[in-house]
Amino acid sequence: MPAKTPAHEIADRVRQCPDVEGLSGGPFGVVATYLPGETVPGVAIRDDEVEISIVAKAGRPLPEIAGEVREAIKELTGGRAVNIHIGGLK
């Protein structure tokens, strides 16, 4: 099994957040990390930011859910800004 990349690690942490239903590629599928032979949808790691697109579970305020996601991945972002997009509710 290939080693996990930072994008995989971030995706795993985001999925573990209790109010996250899943990751989303965004409305046009552009929030993703492209790796040889695969794509990690919902996580885009750029030089100056990490962009995350999620489907949230309904019930809690969305800013709280976004804060929870930021907290869960902060040690994996290398000090980059983290932008959370909520692409849907379940």
N, C-alpha and C. Protein backbone atom coordinates (compact mmCIF):
# COMPACT_ATOMS: atom_id res chain seq x y z
N MET A 1 0.85 -1.19 0.00
CA MET A 1 0.00 0.00 0.00
C MET A 1 0.88 1.24 0.00
N PRO A 2 0.62 2.20 -0.89
CA PRO A 2 1.45 3.41 -0.94
C PRO A 2 1.32 4.23 0.34
N ALA A 3 2.36 5.00 0.61
CA ALA A 3 2.35 5.87 1.80
C ALA A 3 1.26 6.93 1.65
N LYS A 4 0.70 7.31 2.79
CA LYS A 4 -0.32 8.36 2.77
C LYS A 4 0.35 9.71 2.49
N THR A 5 -0.28 10.47 1.65
CA THR A 5 0.19 11.83 1.37
C THR A 5 -0.46 12.78 2.36
N PRO A 6 0.04 14.03 2.45
CA PRO A 6 -0.63 15.01 3.30
C PRO A 6 -2.11 15.18 2.94
N ALA A 7 -2.45 15.11 1.67
CA ALA A 7 -3.86 15.24 1.27
C ALA A 7 -4.69 14.10 1.84
N HIS A 8 -4.16 12.87 1.81
CA HIS A 8 -4.87 11.73 2.39
C HIS A 8 -5.05 11.92 3.90
N GLU A 9 -4.00 12.36 4.57
CA GLU A 9 -4.06 12.55 6.02
C GLU A 9 -5.10 13.61 6.39
N ILE A 10 -5.11 14.71 5.65
CA ILE A 10 -6.09 15.76 5.90
C ILE A 10 -7.50 15.23 5.65
N ALA A 11 -7.70 14.53 4.54
CA ALA A 11 -9.02 13.97 4.23
C ALA A 11 -9.50 13.03 5.33
N ASP A 12 -8.60 12.20 5.84
CA ASP A 12 -8.97 11.28 6.92
C ASP A 12 -9.41 12.04 8.17
N ARG A 13 -8.65 13.07 8.52
CA ARG A 13 -9.00 13.86 9.71
C ARG A 13 -10.34 14.57 9.54
N VAL A 14 -10.57 15.11 8.37
CA VAL A 14 -11.84 15.82 8.12
C VAL A 14 -13.01 14.84 8.23
N ARG A 15 -12.87 13.66 7.64
CA ARG A 15 -13.95 12.67 7.69
C ARG A 15 -14.25 12.21 9.12
N GLN A 16 -13.28 12.32 10.01
CA GLN A 16 -13.48 11.91 11.41
C GLN A 16 -14.24 12.95 12.23
N CYS A 17 -14.40 14.14 11.71
CA CYS A 17 -15.15 15.16 12.44
C CYS A 17 -16.62 14.72 12.51
N PRO A 18 -17.22 14.78 13.71
CA PRO A 18 -18.56 14.22 13.87
C PRO A 18 -19.66 14.90 13.06
N ASP A 19 -19.48 16.15 12.68
CA ASP A 19 -20.53 16.84 11.93
C ASP A 19 -20.23 16.94 10.44
N VAL A 20 -19.28 16.14 9.97
CA VAL A 20 -18.95 16.09 8.55
C VAL A 20 -19.50 14.80 7.98
N GLU A 21 -20.38 14.93 7.00
CA GLU A 21 -20.95 13.78 6.31
C GLU A 21 -19.95 13.21 5.31
N GLY A 22 -19.16 14.09 4.68
CA GLY A 22 -18.17 13.65 3.70
C GLY A 22 -17.50 14.83 3.04
N LEU A 23 -16.59 14.51 2.14
CA LEU A 23 -15.87 15.53 1.37
C LEU A 23 -16.56 15.71 0.02
N SER A 24 -16.39 16.89 -0.55
CA SER A 24 -17.01 17.22 -1.83
C SER A 24 -15.97 17.90 -2.71
N GLY A 25 -16.01 17.64 -3.98
CA GLY A 25 -15.10 18.31 -4.90
C GLY A 25 -15.51 19.73 -5.22
N GLY A 26 -16.62 20.18 -4.63
CA GLY A 26 -17.12 21.52 -4.94
C GLY A 26 -18.01 21.48 -6.15
N PRO A 27 -18.62 22.62 -6.50
CA PRO A 27 -19.61 22.62 -7.58
C PRO A 27 -19.06 22.19 -8.95
N PHE A 28 -17.78 22.40 -9.17
CA PHE A 28 -17.21 22.02 -10.47
C PHE A 28 -16.12 20.97 -10.32
N GLY A 29 -16.03 20.38 -9.13
CA GLY A 29 -15.03 19.33 -8.90
C GLY A 29 -13.60 19.82 -8.83
N VAL A 30 -13.42 21.11 -8.59
CA VAL A 30 -12.06 21.67 -8.63
C VAL A 30 -11.35 21.67 -7.28
N VAL A 31 -12.09 21.35 -6.20
CA VAL A 31 -11.43 21.26 -4.90
C VAL A 31 -10.93 19.83 -4.78
N ALA A 32 -9.67 19.63 -5.12
CA ALA A 32 -9.09 18.29 -5.12
C ALA A 32 -7.58 18.38 -5.18
N THR A 33 -6.95 17.31 -4.77
CA THR A 33 -5.51 17.16 -4.94
C THR A 33 -5.32 16.05 -5.97
N TYR A 34 -4.58 16.35 -7.01
CA TYR A 34 -4.35 15.40 -8.10
C TYR A 34 -3.00 14.73 -7.90
N LEU A 35 -3.04 13.42 -7.76
CA LEU A 35 -1.85 12.62 -7.54
C LEU A 35 -1.71 11.63 -8.69
N PRO A 36 -0.54 11.04 -8.87
CA PRO A 36 -0.40 10.05 -9.94
C PRO A 36 -1.39 8.90 -9.75
N GLY A 37 -2.30 8.75 -10.68
CA GLY A 37 -3.25 7.66 -10.67
C GLY A 37 -4.45 7.82 -9.77
N GLU A 38 -4.58 8.96 -9.09
CA GLU A 38 -5.75 9.16 -8.23
C GLU A 38 -5.98 10.63 -7.93
N THR A 39 -7.16 10.89 -7.42
CA THR A 39 -7.55 12.23 -7.01
C THR A 39 -8.07 12.14 -5.59
N VAL A 40 -7.74 13.12 -4.76
CA VAL A 40 -8.28 13.21 -3.41
C VAL A 40 -9.29 14.36 -3.44
N PRO A 41 -10.59 14.05 -3.62
CA PRO A 41 -11.59 15.11 -3.71
C PRO A 41 -11.83 15.78 -2.37
N GLY A 42 -12.10 17.08 -2.41
CA GLY A 42 -12.44 17.83 -1.22
C GLY A 42 -11.27 18.44 -0.49
N VAL A 43 -10.05 18.16 -0.93
CA VAL A 43 -8.85 18.71 -0.30
C VAL A 43 -7.93 19.25 -1.39
N ALA A 44 -7.66 20.54 -1.36
CA ALA A 44 -6.73 21.15 -2.31
C ALA A 44 -5.62 21.83 -1.49
N ILE A 45 -4.41 21.32 -1.62
CA ILE A 45 -3.27 21.89 -0.91
C ILE A 45 -2.50 22.76 -1.89
N ARG A 46 -2.45 24.04 -1.57
CA ARG A 46 -1.74 25.00 -2.43
C ARG A 46 -0.57 25.58 -1.65
N ASP A 47 0.25 26.38 -2.34
CA ASP A 47 1.42 26.97 -1.69
C ASP A 47 1.05 27.79 -0.46
N ASP A 48 -0.04 28.55 -0.55
CA ASP A 48 -0.37 29.48 0.53
C ASP A 48 -1.66 29.16 1.28
N GLU A 49 -2.37 28.09 0.90
CA GLU A 49 -3.62 27.76 1.57
C GLU A 49 -3.96 26.29 1.41
N VAL A 50 -4.85 25.84 2.28
CA VAL A 50 -5.48 24.53 2.14
C VAL A 50 -6.97 24.81 2.01
N GLU A 51 -7.56 24.29 0.96
CA GLU A 51 -8.99 24.47 0.73
C GLU A 51 -9.68 23.13 0.96
N ILE A 52 -10.72 23.16 1.77
CA ILE A 52 -11.49 21.96 2.10
C ILE A 52 -12.93 22.21 1.71
N SER A 53 -13.55 21.24 1.05
CA SER A 53 -14.96 21.33 0.71
C SER A 53 -15.67 20.12 1.31
N ILE A 54 -16.67 20.40 2.15
CA ILE A 54 -17.34 19.32 2.87
C ILE A 54 -18.85 19.34 2.64
N VAL A 55 -19.46 18.21 2.95
CA VAL A 55 -20.90 18.11 3.12
C VAL A 55 -21.09 17.95 4.62
N ALA A 56 -21.81 18.88 5.21
CA ALA A 56 -21.99 18.90 6.67
C ALA A 56 -23.31 18.25 7.05
N LYS A 57 -23.33 17.72 8.26
CA LYS A 57 -24.58 17.22 8.83
C LYS A 57 -25.37 18.41 9.35
N ALA A 58 -26.65 18.43 9.11
CA ALA A 58 -27.49 19.53 9.59
C ALA A 58 -27.63 19.44 11.11
N GLY A 59 -27.79 20.60 11.72
CA GLY A 59 -28.07 20.62 13.14
C GLY A 59 -27.25 21.62 13.93
N ARG A 60 -25.99 21.76 13.61
CA ARG A 60 -25.14 22.71 14.31
C ARG A 60 -24.88 23.91 13.42
N PRO A 61 -24.54 25.06 14.02
CA PRO A 61 -24.17 26.22 13.20
C PRO A 61 -22.96 25.90 12.31
N LEU A 62 -23.05 26.30 11.06
CA LEU A 62 -21.98 25.99 10.10
C LEU A 62 -20.63 26.57 10.51
N PRO A 63 -20.56 27.79 11.08
CA PRO A 63 -19.25 28.28 11.51
C PRO A 63 -18.59 27.39 12.57
N GLU A 64 -19.40 26.78 13.42
CA GLU A 64 -18.85 25.85 14.42
C GLU A 64 -18.27 24.61 13.76
N ILE A 65 -18.97 24.09 12.76
CA ILE A 65 -18.47 22.92 12.05
C ILE A 65 -17.17 23.25 11.33
N ALA A 66 -17.12 24.41 10.68
CA ALA A 66 -15.89 24.83 9.99
C ALA A 66 -14.74 24.97 10.98
N GLY A 67 -15.01 25.53 12.16
CA GLY A 67 -13.98 25.67 13.19
C GLY A 67 -13.48 24.32 13.66
N GLU A 68 -14.38 23.37 13.80
CA GLU A 68 -14.02 22.01 14.20
C GLU A 68 -13.09 21.38 13.17
N VAL A 69 -13.39 21.57 11.89
CA VAL A 69 -12.55 21.03 10.83
C VAL A 69 -11.17 21.69 10.87
N ARG A 70 -11.13 23.01 11.00
CA ARG A 70 -9.83 23.71 11.07
C ARG A 70 -8.98 23.19 12.22
N GLU A 71 -9.62 23.00 13.37
CA GLU A 71 -8.91 22.51 14.55
C GLU A 71 -8.36 21.10 14.30
N ALA A 72 -9.15 20.26 13.65
CA ALA A 72 -8.75 18.87 13.41
C ALA A 72 -7.53 18.75 12.50
N ILE A 73 -7.36 19.71 11.59
CA ILE A 73 -6.27 19.58 10.60
C ILE A 73 -5.13 20.56 10.82
N LYS A 74 -5.21 21.41 11.83
CA LYS A 74 -4.24 22.49 11.94
C LYS A 74 -2.79 22.02 11.97
N GLU A 75 -2.51 20.89 12.57
CA GLU A 75 -1.13 20.43 12.62
C GLU A 75 -0.64 19.84 11.30
N LEU A 76 -1.54 19.67 10.36
CA LEU A 76 -1.18 19.09 9.05
C LEU A 76 -1.06 20.13 7.95
N THR A 77 -1.35 21.39 8.25
CA THR A 77 -1.43 22.40 7.19
C THR A 77 -0.14 23.17 6.96
N GLY A 78 0.85 22.96 7.77
CA GLY A 78 2.11 23.68 7.59
C GLY A 78 1.98 25.18 7.74
N GLY A 79 1.05 25.63 8.56
CA GLY A 79 0.87 27.06 8.78
C GLY A 79 0.11 27.79 7.69
N ARG A 80 -0.38 27.07 6.69
CA ARG A 80 -1.16 27.71 5.62
C ARG A 80 -2.53 28.13 6.14
N ALA A 81 -3.10 29.12 5.48
CA ALA A 81 -4.49 29.49 5.75
C ALA A 81 -5.38 28.31 5.36
N VAL A 82 -6.49 28.14 6.08
CA VAL A 82 -7.42 27.05 5.78
C VAL A 82 -8.77 27.67 5.44
N ASN A 83 -9.25 27.39 4.23
CA ASN A 83 -10.55 27.86 3.78
C ASN A 83 -11.49 26.67 3.68
N ILE A 84 -12.62 26.77 4.38
CA ILE A 84 -13.60 25.70 4.41
C ILE A 84 -14.82 26.13 3.60
N HIS A 85 -15.21 25.30 2.66
CA HIS A 85 -16.44 25.50 1.89
C HIS A 85 -17.43 24.42 2.28
N ILE A 86 -18.65 24.81 2.57
CA ILE A 86 -19.67 23.84 2.88
C ILE A 86 -20.52 23.69 1.62
N GLY A 87 -20.32 22.56 0.97
CA GLY A 87 -20.94 22.33 -0.33
C GLY A 87 -22.30 21.70 -0.27
N GLY A 88 -22.76 21.38 0.94
CA GLY A 88 -24.08 20.78 1.06
C GLY A 88 -24.36 20.40 2.50
N LEU A 89 -25.63 20.10 2.76
CA LEU A 89 -26.07 19.66 4.08
C LEU A 89 -26.82 18.35 3.92
N LYS A 90 -26.66 17.48 4.88
CA LYS A 90 -27.40 16.20 4.90
C LYS A 90 -28.17 16.12 6.19
